[in-house]
């Protein structure tokens, strides 16, 4: 992530708020899949899977492409740069939490009689 660009993590979290979309991301983490394969693995009807993939794609979490031999089929894969935005945000949040907990521990240590 470039230092000038600030990622829109709200869209990422909104897309990942649904458990089926999170599960789809987990499955795609193992490799690209056709929409029908994802629907089958998640036990969803094709139109429902299509709506979930539309949300994931709008958030930038997944990308799709057509195989050379069949333009009717879409294969979905994770969008690594967008996942990197999420990882960066989480790392910064964790750093803040660690600093806050460290400050609290130091405060407690100062106030605790020895």
C-alpha atoms as a PDB file:
ATOM      1  CA  UNK A   1       0.000   0.000   0.000  1.00  0.00           C
ATOM      2  CA  UNK A   2       1.436   3.363  -0.942  1.00  0.00           C
ATOM      3  CA  UNK A   3       1.803   5.896   1.888  1.00  0.00           C
ATOM      4  CA  UNK A   4      -0.475   8.386   0.093  1.00  0.00           C
ATOM      5  CA  UNK A   5      -3.381   6.023  -0.569  1.00  0.00           C
ATOM      6  CA  UNK A   6      -5.683   5.301   2.324  1.00  0.00           C
ATOM      7  CA  UNK A   7      -7.656   2.073   1.833  1.00  0.00           C
ATOM      8  CA  UNK A   8     -11.414   1.973   2.334  1.00  0.00           C
ATOM      9  CA  UNK A   9     -11.548  -0.751   4.937  1.00  0.00           C
ATOM     10  CA  UNK A  10     -15.188  -0.015   5.710  1.00  0.00           C
ATOM     11  CA  UNK A  11     -16.166  -1.620   2.394  1.00  0.00           C
ATOM     12  CA  UNK A  12     -13.981  -4.624   3.203  1.00  0.00           C
ATOM     13  CA  UNK A  13     -15.544  -5.140   6.603  1.00  0.00           C
ATOM     14  CA  UNK A  14     -19.058  -4.636   5.214  1.00  0.00           C
ATOM     15  CA  UNK A  15     -18.428  -7.303   2.584  1.00  0.00           C
ATOM     16  CA  UNK A  16     -16.954  -9.665   5.166  1.00  0.00           C
ATOM     17  CA  UNK A  17     -19.798  -9.121   7.647  1.00  0.00           C
ATOM     18  CA  UNK A  18     -21.745 -11.971   6.065  1.00  0.00           C
ATOM     19  CA  UNK A  19     -20.607 -15.463   7.148  1.00  0.00           C
ATOM     20  CA  UNK A  20     -21.188 -16.961   3.681  1.00  0.00           C
ATOM     21  CA  UNK A  21     -18.981 -14.310   2.076  1.00  0.00           C
ATOM     22  CA  UNK A  22     -16.275 -14.952   4.674  1.00  0.00           C
ATOM     23  CA  UNK A  23     -16.499 -18.668   3.915  1.00  0.00           C
ATOM     24  CA  UNK A  24     -16.271 -17.940   0.165  1.00  0.00           C
ATOM     25  CA  UNK A  25     -13.093 -15.935   0.819  1.00  0.00           C
ATOM     26  CA  UNK A  26     -11.685 -18.847   2.823  1.00  0.00           C
ATOM     27  CA  UNK A  27     -12.409 -21.250  -0.030  1.00  0.00           C
ATOM     28  CA  UNK A  28     -10.897 -18.872  -2.596  1.00  0.00           C
ATOM     29  CA  UNK A  29      -7.813 -18.698  -0.381  1.00  0.00           C
ATOM     30  CA  UNK A  30      -7.156 -22.274  -1.464  1.00  0.00           C
ATOM     31  CA  UNK A  31      -7.354 -21.333  -5.134  1.00  0.00           C
ATOM     32  CA  UNK A  32      -9.595 -19.889  -7.847  1.00  0.00           C
ATOM     33  CA  UNK A  33     -13.063 -21.395  -8.273  1.00  0.00           C
ATOM     34  CA  UNK A  34     -15.982 -21.144 -10.652  1.00  0.00           C
ATOM     35  CA  UNK A  35     -19.101 -19.547  -9.237  1.00  0.00           C
ATOM     36  CA  UNK A  36     -20.916 -22.882  -9.485  1.00  0.00           C
ATOM     37  CA  UNK A  37     -18.178 -24.640  -7.519  1.00  0.00           C
ATOM     38  CA  UNK A  38     -18.389 -22.038  -4.762  1.00  0.00           C
ATOM     39  CA  UNK A  39     -22.180 -22.322  -4.647  1.00  0.00           C
ATOM     40  CA  UNK A  40     -21.915 -26.093  -4.357  1.00  0.00           C
ATOM     41  CA  UNK A  41     -19.322 -25.971  -1.591  1.00  0.00           C
ATOM     42  CA  UNK A  42     -21.383 -23.433   0.349  1.00  0.00           C
ATOM     43  CA  UNK A  43     -24.723 -25.123  -0.294  1.00  0.00           C
ATOM     44  CA  UNK A  44     -26.159 -21.996  -1.932  1.00  0.00           C
ATOM     45  CA  UNK A  45     -28.373 -21.513  -4.962  1.00  0.00           C
ATOM     46  CA  UNK A  46     -26.653 -19.948  -7.973  1.00  0.00           C
ATOM     47  CA  UNK A  47     -28.510 -16.596  -7.723  1.00  0.00           C
ATOM     48  CA  UNK A  48     -27.601 -16.291  -4.038  1.00  0.00           C
ATOM     49  CA  UNK A  49     -23.951 -17.061  -4.763  1.00  0.00           C
ATOM     50  CA  UNK A  50     -24.027 -14.508  -7.562  1.00  0.00           C
ATOM     51  CA  UNK A  51     -25.211 -11.800  -5.147  1.00  0.00           C
ATOM     52  CA  UNK A  52     -22.461 -12.680  -2.655  1.00  0.00           C
ATOM     53  CA  UNK A  53     -19.802 -12.610  -5.371  1.00  0.00           C
ATOM     54  CA  UNK A  54     -21.114  -9.261  -6.574  1.00  0.00           C
ATOM     55  CA  UNK A  55     -20.635  -7.837  -3.053  1.00  0.00           C
ATOM     56  CA  UNK A  56     -17.136  -9.310  -2.733  1.00  0.00           C
ATOM     57  CA  UNK A  57     -16.195  -7.983  -6.153  1.00  0.00           C
ATOM     58  CA  UNK A  58     -17.601  -4.503  -5.387  1.00  0.00           C
ATOM     59  CA  UNK A  59     -15.432  -4.389  -2.247  1.00  0.00           C
ATOM     60  CA  UNK A  60     -12.437  -5.413  -4.328  1.00  0.00           C
ATOM     61  CA  UNK A  61     -11.864  -8.648  -2.439  1.00  0.00           C
ATOM     62  CA  UNK A  62     -12.274 -10.867  -5.490  1.00  0.00           C
ATOM     63  CA  UNK A  63     -11.609 -10.565  -9.192  1.00  0.00           C
ATOM     64  CA  UNK A  64     -13.025 -12.657 -11.990  1.00  0.00           C
ATOM     65  CA  UNK A  65     -11.927 -13.744 -15.427  1.00  0.00           C
ATOM     66  CA  UNK A  66     -13.188 -15.933 -18.239  1.00  0.00           C
ATOM     67  CA  UNK A  67     -11.189 -19.030 -19.187  1.00  0.00           C
ATOM     68  CA  UNK A  68      -9.887 -18.918 -22.758  1.00  0.00           C
ATOM     69  CA  UNK A  69     -11.922 -21.940 -23.770  1.00  0.00           C
ATOM     70  CA  UNK A  70     -15.325 -20.810 -22.393  1.00  0.00           C
ATOM     71  CA  UNK A  71     -16.414 -17.162 -22.213  1.00  0.00           C
ATOM     72  CA  UNK A  72     -19.655 -18.175 -20.467  1.00  0.00           C
ATOM     73  CA  UNK A  73     -17.817 -19.263 -17.320  1.00  0.00           C
ATOM     74  CA  UNK A  74     -16.379 -16.914 -14.712  1.00  0.00           C
ATOM     75  CA  UNK A  75     -13.560 -17.985 -12.451  1.00  0.00           C
ATOM     76  CA  UNK A  76     -13.162 -16.048  -9.204  1.00  0.00           C
ATOM     77  CA  UNK A  77      -9.940 -15.480  -7.275  1.00  0.00           C
ATOM     78  CA  UNK A  78      -8.844 -13.382  -4.333  1.00  0.00           C
ATOM     79  CA  UNK A  79      -7.529  -9.893  -5.064  1.00  0.00           C
ATOM     80  CA  UNK A  80      -4.207  -9.908  -3.176  1.00  0.00           C
ATOM     81  CA  UNK A  81      -3.593  -6.123  -3.141  1.00  0.00           C
ATOM     82  CA  UNK A  82      -6.975  -5.542  -1.504  1.00  0.00           C
ATOM     83  CA  UNK A  83      -6.261  -8.208   1.091  1.00  0.00           C
ATOM     84  CA  UNK A  84      -2.958  -6.442   1.767  1.00  0.00           C
ATOM     85  CA  UNK A  85      -4.945  -3.285   2.575  1.00  0.00           C
ATOM     86  CA  UNK A  86      -6.883  -5.259   5.169  1.00  0.00           C
ATOM     87  CA  UNK A  87      -3.713  -6.789   6.625  1.00  0.00           C
ATOM     88  CA  UNK A  88      -2.105  -3.331   6.874  1.00  0.00           C
ATOM     89  CA  UNK A  89      -5.140  -1.914   8.681  1.00  0.00           C
ATOM     90  CA  UNK A  90      -5.204  -4.853  11.098  1.00  0.00           C
ATOM     91  CA  UNK A  91      -1.468  -4.528  11.786  1.00  0.00           C
ATOM     92  CA  UNK A  92      -1.861  -0.828  12.613  1.00  0.00           C
ATOM     93  CA  UNK A  93      -4.856  -1.553  14.839  1.00  0.00           C
ATOM     94  CA  UNK A  94      -2.926  -4.288  16.633  1.00  0.00           C
ATOM     95  CA  UNK A  95       0.014  -1.939  17.144  1.00  0.00           C
ATOM     96  CA  UNK A  96      -2.305   0.600  18.759  1.00  0.00           C
ATOM     97  CA  UNK A  97      -3.842  -2.028  21.017  1.00  0.00           C
ATOM     98  CA  UNK A  98      -0.388  -3.254  22.042  1.00  0.00           C
ATOM     99  CA  UNK A  99       0.697   0.280  22.920  1.00  0.00           C
ATOM    100  CA  UNK A 100      -2.475   0.871  24.944  1.00  0.00           C
ATOM    101  CA  UNK A 101      -2.079  -2.397  26.839  1.00  0.00           C
ATOM    102  CA  UNK A 102       1.583  -1.633  27.503  1.00  0.00           C
ATOM    103  CA  UNK A 103       0.677   1.808  28.861  1.00  0.00           C
ATOM    104  CA  UNK A 104      -2.013   0.268  31.063  1.00  0.00           C
ATOM    105  CA  UNK A 105       0.398  -2.376  32.386  1.00  0.00           C
ATOM    106  CA  UNK A 106       2.945   0.335  33.199  1.00  0.00           C
ATOM    107  CA  UNK A 107       0.264   2.372  34.960  1.00  0.00           C
ATOM    108  CA  UNK A 108      -0.815  -0.619  37.058  1.00  0.00           C
ATOM    109  CA  UNK A 109       2.815  -1.441  37.897  1.00  0.00           C
ATOM    110  CA  UNK A 110       3.399   2.149  39.108  1.00  0.00           C
ATOM    111  CA  UNK A 111       0.287   2.115  41.277  1.00  0.00           C
ATOM    112  CA  UNK A 112       0.806  -1.342  42.774  1.00  0.00           C
ATOM    113  CA  UNK A 113       2.647  -1.240  46.094  1.00  0.00           C
ATOM    114  CA  UNK A 114       5.681  -3.458  46.279  1.00  0.00           C
END
